Amino acid sequence: MEQGKILDIAHVSFLDLIRVSIEQTGAAATKGTLMRNTLKAAEKFEPQDFASIDDFVASIDQVQNPIAMVEGKAVHLGDGLFGLPGCPFANSIGNYKNVFKGMPEGYSQLTDEYNKPGAASDKYRVGHGAGVSPFCALHQPLRSALGGKVTINGNPLTIYQLGCKSGSGEKGLATKWIEESGFTAEQVTAALDDHMCCYAIKAEA
């Protein structure tokens, strides 16, 4: 264990609870539990309206919108395409690895389950290849649900999870959502060169 480092035992315990849940109830049930819990958290945020997309983007730097509050400052790459420089779970993963020297084998099963087509992934436009770790099952639906709390001049905001990159550099792309959002796989791949997560927002007319 690395000396001189203060571990967040809450992070370690939470990640190990996911491992235990996978072992006891299976990957599918654990995925459902994680997604339901994170969506319930999204319900606690107050709705917020912005006059324009530009005002929404400006609110990111000040962390004054629900999405930025939970994931940090994303970078607007233009035309509603965003890149998130760091994974919100990076510290948790680091703390866990410091104790257990690696991630549980069951985590890959949960990631595979999360990427399967399903009603929830279609509703929130997540998964379908964009998941690279179990934590995507928490982060991506939460972001999409929080997008439902945001309006642009009264019009609902829709979020598409286009891709994600693991700590090892592996990129996962959601072809379904890339095509529906109007971007290309090349644009998403390029965004993931410098970011850990790539998503798009659209304001409905």
N, C-alpha and C. Protein backbone atom coordinates (compact mmCIF):
# COMPACT_ATOMS: atom_id res chain seq x y z
N MET A 1 0.85 -1.19 0.00
CA MET A 1 0.00 0.00 0.00
C MET A 1 0.88 1.25 0.00
N GLU A 2 0.48 2.23 -0.80
CA GLU A 2 1.28 3.45 -0.92
C GLU A 2 1.32 4.19 0.41
N GLN A 3 2.55 4.49 0.85
CA GLN A 3 2.73 5.19 2.13
C GLN A 3 2.50 6.70 1.95
N GLY A 4 2.03 7.35 3.03
CA GLY A 4 1.84 8.80 3.00
C GLY A 4 0.57 9.24 2.30
N LYS A 5 -0.28 8.31 1.93
CA LYS A 5 -1.53 8.63 1.22
C LYS A 5 -2.71 8.37 2.13
N ILE A 6 -3.58 9.35 2.27
CA ILE A 6 -4.79 9.19 3.07
C ILE A 6 -5.88 8.60 2.19
N LEU A 7 -6.37 7.44 2.56
CA LEU A 7 -7.39 6.76 1.77
C LEU A 7 -8.79 7.20 2.22
N ASP A 8 -9.68 7.31 1.25
CA ASP A 8 -11.08 7.57 1.57
C ASP A 8 -11.77 6.22 1.70
N ILE A 9 -11.98 5.78 2.93
CA ILE A 9 -12.53 4.46 3.16
C ILE A 9 -13.97 4.35 2.65
N ALA A 10 -14.67 5.48 2.54
CA ALA A 10 -16.02 5.45 1.98
C ALA A 10 -15.97 5.01 0.52
N HIS A 11 -14.96 5.52 -0.23
CA HIS A 11 -14.78 5.11 -1.62
C HIS A 11 -14.52 3.61 -1.70
N VAL A 12 -13.59 3.14 -0.87
CA VAL A 12 -13.21 1.73 -0.89
C VAL A 12 -14.40 0.84 -0.55
N SER A 13 -15.16 1.22 0.46
CA SER A 13 -16.30 0.42 0.90
C SER A 13 -17.38 0.38 -0.17
N PHE A 14 -17.64 1.53 -0.81
CA PHE A 14 -18.69 1.59 -1.84
C PHE A 14 -18.33 0.69 -3.02
N LEU A 15 -17.09 0.77 -3.48
CA LEU A 15 -16.68 -0.05 -4.62
C LEU A 15 -16.72 -1.54 -4.26
N ASP A 16 -16.40 -1.87 -3.02
CA ASP A 16 -16.44 -3.28 -2.62
C ASP A 16 -17.87 -3.76 -2.47
N LEU A 17 -18.78 -2.87 -2.10
CA LEU A 17 -20.19 -3.25 -2.03
C LEU A 17 -20.72 -3.62 -3.42
N ILE A 18 -20.23 -2.92 -4.44
CA ILE A 18 -20.62 -3.27 -5.81
C ILE A 18 -20.14 -4.68 -6.14
N ARG A 19 -18.90 -4.99 -5.75
CA ARG A 19 -18.36 -6.34 -5.99
C ARG A 19 -19.22 -7.40 -5.30
N VAL A 20 -19.57 -7.13 -4.06
CA VAL A 20 -20.38 -8.09 -3.30
C VAL A 20 -21.75 -8.27 -3.94
N SER A 21 -22.34 -7.18 -4.40
CA SER A 21 -23.66 -7.24 -5.03
C SER A 21 -23.61 -8.08 -6.31
N ILE A 22 -22.55 -7.91 -7.10
CA ILE A 22 -22.41 -8.70 -8.32
C ILE A 22 -22.33 -10.18 -7.99
N GLU A 23 -21.56 -10.52 -6.96
CA GLU A 23 -21.39 -11.92 -6.56
C GLU A 23 -22.69 -12.52 -6.03
N GLN A 24 -23.48 -11.72 -5.30
CA GLN A 24 -24.65 -12.26 -4.62
C GLN A 24 -25.92 -12.22 -5.47
N THR A 25 -26.07 -11.16 -6.29
CA THR A 25 -27.32 -11.01 -7.04
C THR A 25 -27.13 -11.05 -8.55
N GLY A 26 -25.87 -10.96 -9.02
CA GLY A 26 -25.62 -11.00 -10.46
C GLY A 26 -25.45 -9.61 -11.04
N ALA A 27 -24.86 -9.57 -12.23
CA ALA A 27 -24.54 -8.29 -12.87
C ALA A 27 -25.79 -7.51 -13.27
N ALA A 28 -26.80 -8.20 -13.79
CA ALA A 28 -28.01 -7.51 -14.26
C ALA A 28 -28.74 -6.83 -13.10
N ALA A 29 -28.90 -7.54 -11.99
CA ALA A 29 -29.59 -6.96 -10.85
C ALA A 29 -28.80 -5.80 -10.26
N THR A 30 -27.47 -5.95 -10.22
CA THR A 30 -26.64 -4.87 -9.68
C THR A 30 -26.72 -3.63 -10.56
N LYS A 31 -26.69 -3.83 -11.87
CA LYS A 31 -26.84 -2.69 -12.79
C LYS A 31 -28.15 -1.96 -12.53
N GLY A 32 -29.22 -2.71 -12.39
CA GLY A 32 -30.52 -2.10 -12.14
C GLY A 32 -30.55 -1.30 -10.86
N THR A 33 -29.95 -1.84 -9.82
CA THR A 33 -29.90 -1.15 -8.53
C THR A 33 -29.11 0.15 -8.64
N LEU A 34 -27.95 0.10 -9.27
CA LEU A 34 -27.12 1.29 -9.42
C LEU A 34 -27.85 2.37 -10.21
N MET A 35 -28.49 1.99 -11.29
CA MET A 35 -29.17 2.96 -12.12
C MET A 35 -30.37 3.57 -11.40
N ARG A 36 -31.13 2.75 -10.70
CA ARG A 36 -32.29 3.28 -9.96
C ARG A 36 -31.86 4.25 -8.87
N ASN A 37 -30.79 3.91 -8.17
CA ASN A 37 -30.32 4.79 -7.10
C ASN A 37 -29.84 6.13 -7.62
N THR A 38 -29.10 6.11 -8.72
CA THR A 38 -28.58 7.36 -9.26
C THR A 38 -29.70 8.22 -9.85
N LEU A 39 -30.71 7.58 -10.43
CA LEU A 39 -31.84 8.33 -10.99
C LEU A 39 -32.68 8.95 -9.87
N LYS A 40 -32.75 8.27 -8.74
CA LYS A 40 -33.47 8.83 -7.59
C LYS A 40 -32.76 10.08 -7.07
N ALA A 41 -31.42 10.04 -7.11
CA ALA A 41 -30.65 11.22 -6.68
C ALA A 41 -30.93 12.41 -7.60
N ALA A 42 -31.08 12.14 -8.89
CA ALA A 42 -31.33 13.22 -9.85
C ALA A 42 -32.64 13.94 -9.55
N GLU A 43 -33.60 13.22 -8.99
CA GLU A 43 -34.90 13.82 -8.70
C GLU A 43 -34.80 14.93 -7.66
N LYS A 44 -33.74 14.95 -6.87
CA LYS A 44 -33.60 15.92 -5.79
C LYS A 44 -33.14 17.30 -6.28
N PHE A 45 -32.68 17.37 -7.52
CA PHE A 45 -32.19 18.64 -8.05
C PHE A 45 -33.35 19.49 -8.57
N GLU A 46 -33.23 20.80 -8.40
CA GLU A 46 -34.26 21.73 -8.85
C GLU A 46 -34.14 21.99 -10.35
N PRO A 47 -35.25 22.16 -11.07
CA PRO A 47 -35.21 22.51 -12.49
C PRO A 47 -34.50 23.85 -12.69
N GLN A 48 -33.86 24.00 -13.84
CA GLN A 48 -33.11 25.22 -14.13
C GLN A 48 -33.25 25.56 -15.61
N ASP A 49 -33.57 26.81 -15.89
CA ASP A 49 -33.75 27.25 -17.28
C ASP A 49 -32.66 28.24 -17.66
N PHE A 50 -32.17 28.11 -18.90
CA PHE A 50 -31.17 29.04 -19.44
C PHE A 50 -31.73 29.68 -20.70
N ALA A 51 -31.37 30.92 -20.92
CA ALA A 51 -31.90 31.65 -22.07
C ALA A 51 -31.39 31.09 -23.39
N SER A 52 -30.18 30.51 -23.38
CA SER A 52 -29.59 30.00 -24.61
C SER A 52 -28.57 28.92 -24.29
N ILE A 53 -28.15 28.19 -25.32
CA ILE A 53 -27.08 27.20 -25.15
C ILE A 53 -25.81 27.88 -24.64
N ASP A 54 -25.54 29.08 -25.16
CA ASP A 54 -24.34 29.81 -24.72
C ASP A 54 -24.38 30.09 -23.22
N ASP A 55 -25.56 30.44 -22.71
CA ASP A 55 -25.69 30.69 -21.27
C ASP A 55 -25.48 29.40 -20.48
N PHE A 56 -25.97 28.29 -21.02
CA PHE A 56 -25.76 27.00 -20.37
C PHE A 56 -24.26 26.66 -20.32
N VAL A 57 -23.58 26.86 -21.44
CA VAL A 57 -22.14 26.58 -21.50
C VAL A 57 -21.39 27.47 -20.51
N ALA A 58 -21.77 28.74 -20.44
CA ALA A 58 -21.11 29.67 -19.52
C ALA A 58 -21.30 29.24 -18.06
N SER A 59 -22.43 28.60 -17.77
CA SER A 59 -22.70 28.18 -16.39
C SER A 59 -21.80 27.04 -15.95
N ILE A 60 -21.19 26.34 -16.90
CA ILE A 60 -20.31 25.22 -16.55
C ILE A 60 -19.08 25.71 -15.81
N ASP A 61 -18.47 26.79 -16.30
CA ASP A 61 -17.26 27.32 -15.66
C ASP A 61 -17.51 27.75 -14.22
N GLN A 62 -18.73 28.20 -13.95
CA GLN A 62 -19.08 28.64 -12.60
C GLN A 62 -19.73 27.52 -11.78
N VAL A 63 -19.80 26.34 -12.38
CA VAL A 63 -20.45 25.18 -11.74
C VAL A 63 -21.84 25.58 -11.24
N GLN A 64 -22.61 26.15 -12.13
CA GLN A 64 -23.93 26.66 -11.77
C GLN A 64 -25.05 25.95 -12.52
N ASN A 65 -24.82 24.70 -12.90
CA ASN A 65 -25.91 23.90 -13.42
C ASN A 65 -25.79 22.50 -12.84
N PRO A 66 -26.88 21.73 -12.79
CA PRO A 66 -26.88 20.44 -12.10
C PRO A 66 -25.82 19.47 -12.63
N ILE A 67 -25.58 19.47 -13.94
CA ILE A 67 -24.64 18.52 -14.52
C ILE A 67 -23.22 18.82 -14.05
N ALA A 68 -22.83 20.08 -14.12
CA ALA A 68 -21.48 20.46 -13.68
C ALA A 68 -21.29 20.19 -12.20
N MET A 69 -22.36 20.31 -11.43
CA MET A 69 -22.26 20.08 -9.99
C MET A 69 -21.87 18.65 -9.65
N VAL A 70 -22.26 17.70 -10.49
CA VAL A 70 -21.98 16.30 -10.17
C VAL A 70 -20.78 15.72 -10.91
N GLU A 71 -20.38 16.34 -12.03
CA GLU A 71 -19.27 15.75 -12.78
C GLU A 71 -18.08 16.67 -12.98
N GLY A 72 -18.22 17.94 -12.61
CA GLY A 72 -17.13 18.88 -12.83
C GLY A 72 -17.29 19.63 -14.14
N LYS A 73 -16.23 20.32 -14.55
CA LYS A 73 -16.30 21.21 -15.70
C LYS A 73 -16.00 20.49 -17.01
N ALA A 74 -17.03 20.32 -17.82
CA ALA A 74 -16.85 19.76 -19.16
C ALA A 74 -16.39 20.86 -20.11
N VAL A 75 -15.83 20.45 -21.23
CA VAL A 75 -15.34 21.39 -22.25
C VAL A 75 -16.26 21.33 -23.46
N HIS A 76 -16.77 22.51 -23.87
CA HIS A 76 -17.63 22.55 -25.06
C HIS A 76 -16.74 22.54 -26.30
N LEU A 77 -16.88 21.50 -27.11
CA LEU A 77 -16.05 21.34 -28.30
C LEU A 77 -16.71 21.90 -29.55
N GLY A 78 -17.91 22.45 -29.37
CA GLY A 78 -18.63 23.07 -30.48
C GLY A 78 -19.86 22.30 -30.89
N ASP A 79 -20.90 23.04 -31.29
CA ASP A 79 -22.14 22.45 -31.82
C ASP A 79 -22.82 21.49 -30.84
N GLY A 80 -22.63 21.71 -29.54
CA GLY A 80 -23.29 20.86 -28.56
C GLY A 80 -22.53 19.60 -28.21
N LEU A 81 -21.29 19.48 -28.67
CA LEU A 81 -20.45 18.33 -28.34
C LEU A 81 -19.56 18.69 -27.15
N PHE A 82 -19.52 17.80 -26.15
CA PHE A 82 -18.77 18.07 -24.92
C PHE A 82 -17.78 16.96 -24.61
N GLY A 83 -16.66 17.36 -24.01
CA GLY A 83 -15.69 16.40 -23.51
C GLY A 83 -15.46 16.65 -22.04
N LEU A 84 -15.43 15.59 -21.24
CA LEU A 84 -15.17 15.72 -19.81
C LEU A 84 -13.73 15.27 -19.55
N PRO A 85 -12.87 16.20 -19.08
CA PRO A 85 -11.45 15.89 -18.94
C PRO A 85 -11.13 14.74 -17.98
N GLY A 86 -11.87 14.65 -16.86
CA GLY A 86 -11.56 13.62 -15.87
C GLY A 86 -12.78 12.81 -15.48
N CYS A 87 -12.57 11.57 -15.10
CA CYS A 87 -13.67 10.72 -14.64
C CYS A 87 -13.98 11.06 -13.18
N PRO A 88 -15.25 11.29 -12.83
CA PRO A 88 -15.61 11.61 -11.44
C PRO A 88 -15.27 10.48 -10.46
N PHE A 89 -15.06 9.27 -10.98
CA PHE A 89 -14.77 8.13 -10.11
C PHE A 89 -13.28 7.80 -10.06
N ALA A 90 -12.44 8.64 -10.65
CA ALA A 90 -11.00 8.34 -10.70
C ALA A 90 -10.41 8.19 -9.30
N ASN A 91 -10.77 9.08 -8.38
CA ASN A 91 -10.23 8.99 -7.02
C ASN A 91 -10.71 7.73 -6.31
N SER A 92 -11.98 7.38 -6.54
CA SER A 92 -12.52 6.17 -5.92
C SER A 92 -11.78 4.93 -6.40
N ILE A 93 -11.55 4.88 -7.71
CA ILE A 93 -10.84 3.74 -8.30
C ILE A 93 -9.41 3.68 -7.76
N GLY A 94 -8.77 4.84 -7.66
CA GLY A 94 -7.41 4.89 -7.14
C GLY A 94 -7.34 4.40 -5.70
N ASN A 95 -8.29 4.80 -4.89
CA ASN A 95 -8.32 4.36 -3.49
C ASN A 95 -8.52 2.85 -3.40
N TYR A 96 -9.40 2.32 -4.24
CA TYR A 96 -9.68 0.89 -4.21
C TYR A 96 -8.44 0.09 -4.62
N LYS A 97 -7.81 0.52 -5.70
CA LYS A 97 -6.62 -0.19 -6.19
C LYS A 97 -5.48 -0.12 -5.17
N ASN A 98 -5.44 0.96 -4.43
CA ASN A 98 -4.38 1.10 -3.43
C ASN A 98 -4.51 0.03 -2.35
N VAL A 99 -5.75 -0.38 -2.07
CA VAL A 99 -6.00 -1.39 -1.04
C VAL A 99 -5.95 -2.80 -1.62
N PHE A 100 -6.66 -3.01 -2.75
CA PHE A 100 -6.84 -4.36 -3.27
C PHE A 100 -5.92 -4.70 -4.45
N LYS A 101 -5.12 -3.74 -4.88
CA LYS A 101 -4.12 -3.97 -5.94
C LYS A 101 -4.75 -4.33 -7.29
N GLY A 102 -5.96 -3.93 -7.50
CA GLY A 102 -6.62 -4.21 -8.78
C GLY A 102 -8.12 -4.10 -8.62
N MET A 103 -8.84 -4.26 -9.75
CA MET A 103 -10.29 -4.19 -9.72
C MET A 103 -10.88 -5.60 -9.78
N PRO A 104 -12.06 -5.82 -9.18
CA PRO A 104 -12.68 -7.15 -9.17
C PRO A 104 -13.01 -7.65 -10.57
N GLU A 105 -12.89 -8.97 -10.78
CA GLU A 105 -13.21 -9.55 -12.07
C GLU A 105 -14.68 -9.32 -12.44
N GLY A 106 -15.54 -9.31 -11.47
CA GLY A 106 -16.96 -9.14 -11.73
C GLY A 106 -17.33 -7.80 -12.35
N TYR A 107 -16.44 -6.84 -12.22
CA TYR A 107 -16.73 -5.51 -12.78
C TYR A 107 -16.91 -5.56 -14.29
N SER A 108 -16.16 -6.40 -14.96
CA SER A 108 -16.29 -6.50 -16.42
C SER A 108 -17.66 -7.05 -16.80
N GLN A 109 -18.19 -7.95 -15.98
CA GLN A 109 -19.52 -8.49 -16.24
C GLN A 109 -20.58 -7.39 -16.16
N LEU A 110 -20.44 -6.54 -15.16
CA LEU A 110 -21.39 -5.44 -14.99
C LEU A 110 -21.29 -4.45 -16.15
N THR A 111 -20.07 -4.18 -16.61
CA THR A 111 -19.88 -3.28 -17.74
C THR A 111 -20.55 -3.85 -18.99
N ASP A 112 -20.36 -5.14 -19.23
CA ASP A 112 -20.99 -5.79 -20.39
C ASP A 112 -22.51 -5.72 -20.29
N GLU A 113 -23.03 -5.93 -19.10
CA GLU A 113 -24.48 -5.87 -18.89
C GLU A 113 -25.00 -4.47 -19.15
N TYR A 114 -24.25 -3.48 -18.70
CA TYR A 114 -24.68 -2.09 -18.88
C TYR A 114 -24.76 -1.71 -20.36
N ASN A 115 -23.89 -2.28 -21.18
CA ASN A 115 -23.86 -1.92 -22.59
C ASN A 115 -24.93 -2.62 -23.42
N LYS A 116 -25.63 -3.59 -22.83
CA LYS A 116 -26.69 -4.28 -23.56
C LYS A 116 -27.88 -3.33 -23.80
N PRO A 117 -28.55 -3.47 -24.95
CA PRO A 117 -29.76 -2.66 -25.19
C PRO A 117 -30.82 -2.94 -24.14
N GLY A 118 -31.57 -1.92 -23.80
CA GLY A 118 -32.63 -2.08 -22.82
C GLY A 118 -33.47 -0.82 -22.73
N ALA A 119 -34.60 -0.93 -22.04
CA ALA A 119 -35.52 0.20 -21.94
C ALA A 119 -34.87 1.41 -21.28
N ALA A 120 -34.12 1.18 -20.20
CA ALA A 120 -33.51 2.29 -19.48
C ALA A 120 -32.41 2.96 -20.30
N SER A 121 -31.58 2.15 -20.95
CA SER A 121 -30.50 2.73 -21.75
C SER A 121 -31.07 3.52 -22.93
N ASP A 122 -32.18 3.05 -23.50
CA ASP A 122 -32.81 3.79 -24.60
C ASP A 122 -33.46 5.08 -24.11
N LYS A 123 -34.08 5.02 -22.95
CA LYS A 123 -34.74 6.20 -22.41
C LYS A 123 -33.75 7.32 -22.12
N TYR A 124 -32.59 6.94 -21.57
CA TYR A 124 -31.61 7.95 -21.16
C TYR A 124 -30.47 8.11 -22.16
N ARG A 125 -30.51 7.35 -23.25
CA ARG A 125 -29.52 7.45 -24.34
C ARG A 125 -28.10 7.23 -23.82
N VAL A 126 -27.93 6.10 -23.14
CA VAL A 126 -26.64 5.74 -22.55
C VAL A 126 -26.30 4.31 -22.95
N GLY A 127 -25.15 3.82 -22.50
CA GLY A 127 -24.75 2.45 -22.79
C GLY A 127 -24.52 2.22 -24.27
N HIS A 128 -24.95 1.06 -24.77
CA HIS A 128 -24.79 0.70 -26.18
C HIS A 128 -23.34 0.80 -26.64
N GLY A 129 -22.41 0.47 -25.76
CA GLY A 129 -21.00 0.51 -26.10
C GLY A 129 -20.23 1.64 -25.45
N ALA A 130 -20.94 2.61 -24.89
CA ALA A 130 -20.29 3.78 -24.28
C ALA A 130 -19.81 3.51 -22.86
N GLY A 131 -20.17 2.38 -22.29
CA GLY A 131 -19.73 2.06 -20.94
C GLY A 131 -18.38 1.36 -20.95
N VAL A 132 -17.45 1.85 -20.17
CA VAL A 132 -16.13 1.21 -20.09
C VAL A 132 -15.81 0.73 -18.68
N SER A 133 -16.71 1.01 -17.74
CA SER A 133 -16.55 0.53 -16.36
C SER A 133 -17.93 0.52 -15.70
N PRO A 134 -18.06 -0.17 -14.56
CA PRO A 134 -19.35 -0.17 -13.86
C PRO A 134 -19.83 1.22 -13.46
N PHE A 135 -18.89 2.14 -13.28
CA PHE A 135 -19.24 3.47 -12.81
C PHE A 135 -19.95 4.28 -13.88
N CYS A 136 -19.83 3.85 -15.13
CA CYS A 136 -20.60 4.49 -16.21
C CYS A 136 -22.09 4.28 -15.97
N ALA A 137 -22.45 3.16 -15.32
CA ALA A 137 -23.86 2.88 -15.02
C ALA A 137 -24.42 3.85 -13.98
N LEU A 138 -23.55 4.52 -13.25
CA LEU A 138 -23.96 5.56 -12.31
C LEU A 138 -23.90 6.93 -12.97
N HIS A 139 -22.78 7.22 -13.58
CA HIS A 139 -22.50 8.56 -14.08
C HIS A 139 -23.35 8.93 -15.29
N GLN A 140 -23.38 8.07 -16.29
CA GLN A 140 -24.06 8.42 -17.54
C GLN A 140 -25.57 8.62 -17.38
N PRO A 141 -26.30 7.70 -16.71
CA PRO A 141 -27.73 7.94 -16.50
C PRO A 141 -28.00 9.16 -15.63
N LEU A 142 -27.13 9.40 -14.66
CA LEU A 142 -27.31 10.58 -13.81
C LEU A 142 -27.20 11.85 -14.63
N ARG A 143 -26.20 11.92 -15.50
CA ARG A 143 -26.05 13.10 -16.35
C ARG A 143 -27.28 13.30 -17.23
N SER A 144 -27.75 12.22 -17.84
CA SER A 144 -28.92 12.33 -18.72
C SER A 144 -30.16 12.75 -17.94
N ALA A 145 -30.34 12.19 -16.75
CA ALA A 145 -31.49 12.54 -15.92
C ALA A 145 -31.41 14.00 -15.49
N LEU A 146 -30.21 14.48 -15.17
CA LEU A 146 -30.05 15.88 -14.80
C LEU A 146 -30.29 16.79 -15.99
N GLY A 147 -29.97 16.28 -17.19
CA GLY A 147 -30.29 17.04 -18.39
C GLY A 147 -31.78 17.28 -18.51
N GLY A 148 -32.56 16.33 -17.98
CA GLY A 148 -34.01 16.50 -17.98
C GLY A 148 -34.48 17.58 -17.02
N LYS A 149 -33.60 18.02 -16.13
CA LYS A 149 -33.92 19.10 -15.21
C LYS A 149 -33.60 20.47 -15.82
N VAL A 150 -32.91 20.44 -16.97
CA VAL A 150 -32.46 21.69 -17.60
C VAL A 150 -33.29 21.99 -18.83
N THR A 151 -33.66 23.24 -18.99
CA THR A 151 -34.33 23.68 -20.22
C THR A 151 -33.56 24.87 -20.80
N ILE A 152 -33.67 25.01 -22.11
CA ILE A 152 -33.06 26.14 -22.82
C ILE A 152 -34.19 26.98 -23.39
N ASN A 153 -34.39 28.15 -22.81
CA ASN A 153 -35.51 29.02 -23.19
C ASN A 153 -36.83 28.24 -23.14
N GLY A 154 -36.95 27.41 -22.11
CA GLY A 154 -38.18 26.65 -21.91
C GLY A 154 -38.24 25.32 -22.62
N ASN A 155 -37.25 25.03 -23.48
CA ASN A 155 -37.26 23.80 -24.26
C ASN A 155 -36.40 22.73 -23.58
N PRO A 156 -36.89 21.49 -23.53
CA PRO A 156 -36.16 20.41 -22.85
C PRO A 156 -34.78 20.16 -23.46
N LEU A 157 -33.85 19.76 -22.61
CA LEU A 157 -32.50 19.42 -23.03
C LEU A 157 -32.38 17.90 -23.11
N THR A 158 -31.83 17.41 -24.21
CA THR A 158 -31.62 15.98 -24.39
C THR A 158 -30.12 15.72 -24.45
N ILE A 159 -29.67 14.67 -23.74
CA ILE A 159 -28.25 14.34 -23.70
C ILE A 159 -28.03 12.95 -24.28
N TYR A 160 -27.01 12.85 -25.13
CA TYR A 160 -26.62 11.59 -25.74
C TYR A 160 -25.21 11.23 -25.26
N GLN A 161 -25.05 10.05 -24.66
CA GLN A 161 -23.72 9.58 -24.28
C GLN A 161 -23.07 8.94 -25.50
N LEU A 162 -22.02 9.56 -26.02
CA LEU A 162 -21.44 9.10 -27.29
C LEU A 162 -20.24 8.18 -27.11
N GLY A 163 -19.49 8.37 -26.05
CA GLY A 163 -18.31 7.53 -25.86
C GLY A 163 -17.65 7.78 -24.54
N CYS A 164 -16.73 6.89 -24.18
CA CYS A 164 -16.03 7.01 -22.92
C CYS A 164 -14.67 6.32 -23.06
N LYS A 165 -13.73 6.70 -22.20
CA LYS A 165 -12.39 6.12 -22.22
C LYS A 165 -12.03 5.61 -20.83
N SER A 166 -11.51 4.40 -20.78
CA SER A 166 -11.11 3.82 -19.51
C SER A 166 -9.77 4.37 -19.07
N GLY A 167 -9.41 4.08 -17.83
CA GLY A 167 -8.13 4.54 -17.31
C GLY A 167 -6.96 3.98 -18.09
N SER A 168 -7.14 2.81 -18.73
CA SER A 168 -6.07 2.20 -19.52
C SER A 168 -6.01 2.74 -20.94
N GLY A 169 -6.98 3.61 -21.28
CA GLY A 169 -6.98 4.22 -22.62
C GLY A 169 -7.92 3.58 -23.61
N GLU A 170 -8.63 2.52 -23.19
CA GLU A 170 -9.58 1.86 -24.08
C GLU A 170 -10.79 2.76 -24.32
N LYS A 171 -11.17 2.92 -25.59
CA LYS A 171 -12.30 3.78 -25.94
C LYS A 171 -13.52 2.94 -26.29
N GLY A 172 -14.66 3.34 -25.74
CA GLY A 172 -15.92 2.69 -26.06
C GLY A 172 -16.85 3.69 -26.71
N LEU A 173 -17.40 3.34 -27.87
CA LEU A 173 -18.28 4.24 -28.62
C LEU A 173 -19.69 3.67 -28.70
N ALA A 174 -20.67 4.55 -28.62
CA ALA A 174 -22.08 4.17 -28.75
C ALA A 174 -22.55 4.56 -30.14
N THR A 175 -22.41 3.64 -31.08
CA THR A 175 -22.76 3.94 -32.48
C THR A 175 -24.20 4.42 -32.61
N LYS A 176 -25.11 3.82 -31.86
CA LYS A 176 -26.53 4.18 -31.92
C LYS A 176 -26.73 5.67 -31.60
N TRP A 177 -26.11 6.13 -30.53
CA TRP A 177 -26.31 7.52 -30.10
C TRP A 177 -25.48 8.49 -30.93
N ILE A 178 -24.36 8.05 -31.44
CA ILE A 178 -23.57 8.90 -32.34
C ILE A 178 -24.39 9.22 -33.59
N GLU A 179 -25.00 8.19 -34.15
CA GLU A 179 -25.81 8.39 -35.36
C GLU A 179 -27.02 9.26 -35.08
N GLU A 180 -27.69 9.02 -33.96
CA GLU A 180 -28.91 9.79 -33.65
C GLU A 180 -28.59 11.26 -33.33
N SER A 181 -27.42 11.51 -32.80
CA SER A 181 -27.06 12.88 -32.43
C SER A 181 -26.55 13.69 -33.60
N GLY A 182 -26.17 13.01 -34.70
CA GLY A 182 -25.70 13.72 -35.88
C GLY A 182 -24.20 13.94 -35.93
N PHE A 183 -23.47 13.37 -34.98
CA PHE A 183 -22.01 13.48 -35.01
C PHE A 183 -21.43 12.23 -35.67
N THR A 184 -20.12 12.15 -35.74
CA THR A 184 -19.48 11.00 -36.37
C THR A 184 -18.58 10.29 -35.36
N ALA A 185 -18.29 9.03 -35.66
CA ALA A 185 -17.38 8.26 -34.81
C ALA A 185 -16.01 8.91 -34.75
N GLU A 186 -15.60 9.52 -35.87
CA GLU A 186 -14.30 10.19 -35.92
C GLU A 186 -14.25 11.37 -34.96
N GLN A 187 -15.33 12.13 -34.89
CA GLN A 187 -15.38 13.28 -33.98
C GLN A 187 -15.31 12.82 -32.52
N VAL A 188 -16.03 11.75 -32.21
CA VAL A 188 -16.05 11.25 -30.84
C VAL A 188 -14.69 10.66 -30.47
N THR A 189 -14.10 9.91 -31.37
CA THR A 189 -12.78 9.33 -31.11
C THR A 189 -11.75 10.43 -30.86
N ALA A 190 -11.81 11.48 -31.67
CA ALA A 190 -10.88 12.60 -31.49
C ALA A 190 -11.11 13.29 -30.15
N ALA A 191 -12.38 13.43 -29.75
CA ALA A 191 -12.69 14.07 -28.47
C ALA A 191 -12.12 13.24 -27.31
N LEU A 192 -12.15 11.92 -27.46
CA LEU A 192 -11.66 11.04 -26.39
C LEU A 192 -10.14 10.96 -26.33
N ASP A 193 -9.46 11.53 -27.32
CA ASP A 193 -8.00 11.60 -27.25
C ASP A 193 -7.57 12.44 -26.05
N ASP A 194 -8.35 13.50 -25.77
CA ASP A 194 -7.99 14.44 -24.71
C ASP A 194 -8.98 14.46 -23.55
N HIS A 195 -10.02 13.63 -23.62
CA HIS A 195 -11.05 13.63 -22.58
C HIS A 195 -11.41 12.19 -22.23
N MET A 196 -12.00 12.03 -21.05
CA MET A 196 -12.39 10.71 -20.59
C MET A 196 -13.81 10.34 -21.00
N CYS A 197 -14.62 11.33 -21.31
CA CYS A 197 -16.03 11.12 -21.60
C CYS A 197 -16.45 12.10 -22.69
N CYS A 198 -17.33 11.65 -23.59
CA CYS A 198 -17.82 12.53 -24.66
C CYS A 198 -19.33 12.38 -24.77
N TYR A 199 -20.02 13.50 -24.77
CA TYR A 199 -21.47 13.46 -24.91
C TYR A 199 -21.94 14.68 -25.69
N ALA A 200 -23.19 14.61 -26.13
CA ALA A 200 -23.78 15.71 -26.91
C ALA A 200 -25.07 16.15 -26.25
N ILE A 201 -25.38 17.43 -26.39
CA ILE A 201 -26.66 17.95 -25.92
C ILE A 201 -27.43 18.55 -27.08
N LYS A 202 -28.73 18.39 -27.04
CA LYS A 202 -29.61 18.97 -28.04
C LYS A 202 -30.78 19.63 -27.30
N ALA A 203 -31.10 20.84 -27.69
CA ALA A 203 -32.26 21.52 -27.13
C ALA A 203 -33.43 21.34 -28.07
N GLU A 204 -34.47 20.69 -27.59
CA GLU A 204 -35.65 20.44 -28.44
C GLU A 204 -36.36 21.75 -28.75
N ALA A 205 -36.83 21.86 -29.99
CA ALA A 205 -37.54 23.07 -30.41
C ALA A 205 -38.97 23.04 -29.91
